[in-house]
Protein backbone atom coordinates (compact mmCIF):
# COMPACT_ATOMS: atom_id res chain seq x y z
CA MET A 1 132.71 209.38 99.61
CA THR A 2 134.51 211.54 97.10
CA THR A 3 137.61 213.56 97.87
CA THR A 4 135.52 216.72 97.75
CA GLU A 5 133.07 215.32 100.31
CA ALA A 6 135.91 214.17 102.57
CA ASP A 7 137.53 217.61 102.47
CA GLN A 8 134.37 219.40 103.58
CA VAL A 9 133.94 219.82 107.32
CA THR A 10 130.39 220.53 108.33
CA PRO A 11 129.18 221.60 111.77
CA LYS A 12 127.40 218.24 112.05
CA ALA A 13 130.69 216.37 111.43
CA VAL A 14 132.42 218.44 114.11
CA GLU A 15 129.60 217.84 116.59
CA ALA A 16 129.98 214.10 116.19
CA VAL A 17 133.59 214.32 117.42
CA GLU A 18 132.77 216.25 120.61
CA PRO A 19 132.06 214.10 123.65
CA ALA A 20 128.42 214.18 124.72
CA ASP A 21 129.31 215.18 128.29
CA HIS A 22 131.69 217.94 127.19
CA GLU A 23 131.94 220.62 129.84
CA HIS A 24 131.99 224.21 128.62
CA GLY A 25 134.45 225.91 130.91
CA VAL A 26 138.15 226.63 131.22
CA HIS A 27 140.12 224.05 129.29
CA GLY A 28 143.65 222.84 129.96
CA TYR A 29 145.00 224.66 126.94
CA HIS A 30 143.54 228.09 127.79
CA LYS A 31 146.82 229.44 129.23
CA GLN A 32 148.60 228.66 125.94
CA LYS A 33 145.69 229.53 123.67
CA ASP A 34 147.53 232.30 121.80
CA GLU A 35 150.58 230.06 121.35
CA HIS A 36 148.38 227.23 120.06
CA LEU A 37 146.59 229.51 117.62
CA LYS A 38 149.94 230.79 116.32
CA ARG A 39 151.13 227.21 115.88
CA LEU A 40 147.93 226.22 114.06
CA ARG A 41 148.27 229.20 111.73
CA ARG A 42 151.78 228.01 110.85
CA ILE A 43 150.42 224.54 110.11
CA GLU A 44 147.65 226.11 108.03
CA GLY A 45 150.36 227.91 106.07
CA GLN A 46 152.13 224.61 105.49
CA ILE A 47 148.93 223.12 104.10
CA ARG A 48 148.39 226.13 101.83
CA GLY A 49 151.99 225.61 100.72
CA LEU A 50 151.11 222.04 99.76
CA GLN A 51 148.22 223.28 97.65
CA ARG A 52 150.53 225.77 95.94
CA MET A 53 153.13 223.06 95.32
CA VAL A 54 150.57 220.82 93.62
CA ASP A 55 149.21 223.76 91.64
CA GLU A 56 152.74 224.58 90.47
CA ASP A 57 153.51 220.92 89.56
CA VAL A 58 156.36 220.59 92.06
CA TYR A 59 158.26 217.26 92.13
CA CYS A 60 156.36 214.50 93.99
CA ILE A 61 159.10 213.79 96.54
CA ASP A 62 159.32 217.47 97.47
CA ILE A 63 155.57 217.52 98.11
CA LEU A 64 155.79 214.32 100.16
CA THR A 65 158.55 215.89 102.26
CA GLN A 66 156.26 218.82 103.01
CA VAL A 67 153.36 216.45 103.79
CA SER A 68 155.60 214.67 106.29
CA ALA A 69 156.58 217.97 107.94
CA SER A 70 152.92 219.05 108.16
CA THR A 71 151.91 215.70 109.62
CA LYS A 72 154.66 215.89 112.25
CA ALA A 73 153.58 219.43 113.15
CA LEU A 74 149.98 218.29 113.69
CA GLN A 75 151.11 215.27 115.71
CA SER A 76 153.27 217.48 117.90
CA PHE A 77 150.34 219.85 118.45
CA ALA A 78 148.07 216.92 119.33
CA LEU A 79 150.55 215.57 121.88
CA GLN A 80 150.87 218.97 123.53
CA LEU A 81 147.09 219.29 123.72
CA LEU A 82 146.80 215.77 125.14
CA GLU A 83 149.39 216.55 127.80
CA GLU A 84 147.49 219.69 128.79
CA HIS A 85 144.26 217.68 128.91
CA LEU A 86 145.86 215.12 131.22
CA ARG A 87 147.42 217.77 133.47
CA HIS A 88 144.26 219.86 133.72
CA CYS A 89 141.06 217.94 132.99
CA VAL A 90 142.06 214.45 134.11
CA ALA A 91 143.97 215.71 137.15
CA ASP A 92 140.99 217.88 138.14
CA ALA A 93 138.65 214.90 137.86
CA ALA A 94 141.05 212.81 139.96
CA ALA A 95 141.18 215.49 142.65
CA LYS A 96 137.36 215.65 142.76
CA GLY A 97 137.09 211.86 143.00
CA GLY A 98 134.02 209.88 142.15
CA GLU A 99 133.05 208.45 138.79
CA GLY A 100 134.30 211.51 136.89
CA ILE A 101 137.86 210.22 136.85
CA ASP A 102 136.85 207.01 135.11
CA ALA A 103 135.07 208.98 132.39
CA LYS A 104 138.05 211.31 131.89
CA VAL A 105 140.53 208.44 131.71
CA GLU A 106 138.32 206.61 129.21
CA GLU A 107 137.97 209.80 127.16
CA ALA A 108 141.76 210.32 127.14
CA THR A 109 142.35 206.66 126.27
CA LYS A 110 140.02 206.92 123.28
CA ALA A 111 141.77 210.11 122.14
CA ILE A 112 145.14 208.33 122.36
CA ALA A 113 143.75 205.39 120.37
CA ARG A 114 142.53 207.78 117.64
CA MET A 115 145.95 209.41 117.53
CA MET A 116 147.68 206.05 117.20
CA ARG A 117 145.53 205.09 114.20
CA THR A 118 146.75 208.09 112.22
């Protein structure tokens, strides 16, 4: 896969990431949705800044410093989202009982494993 192919996100690629039993309802992050969107826009700005730095032939170490800051920002966002998922979705499944809790715990565990690989 070329860099260009890796950079392109297609709807099919996004679908593959969504769990098959994904419920379309109120999500744990909905109360902070505006805050999350604001945060993601800041991260998007950091990434655009990286593109500008490369375009302007900025010193490698300065670019790497910005990459590190962008990575930390995304990791922080992911942890916040995971916490909200645990507090809302997993807690809700636990309160309802049944097999749903096992599925939610497994889903959260897989998400944590993906985060740890990055």
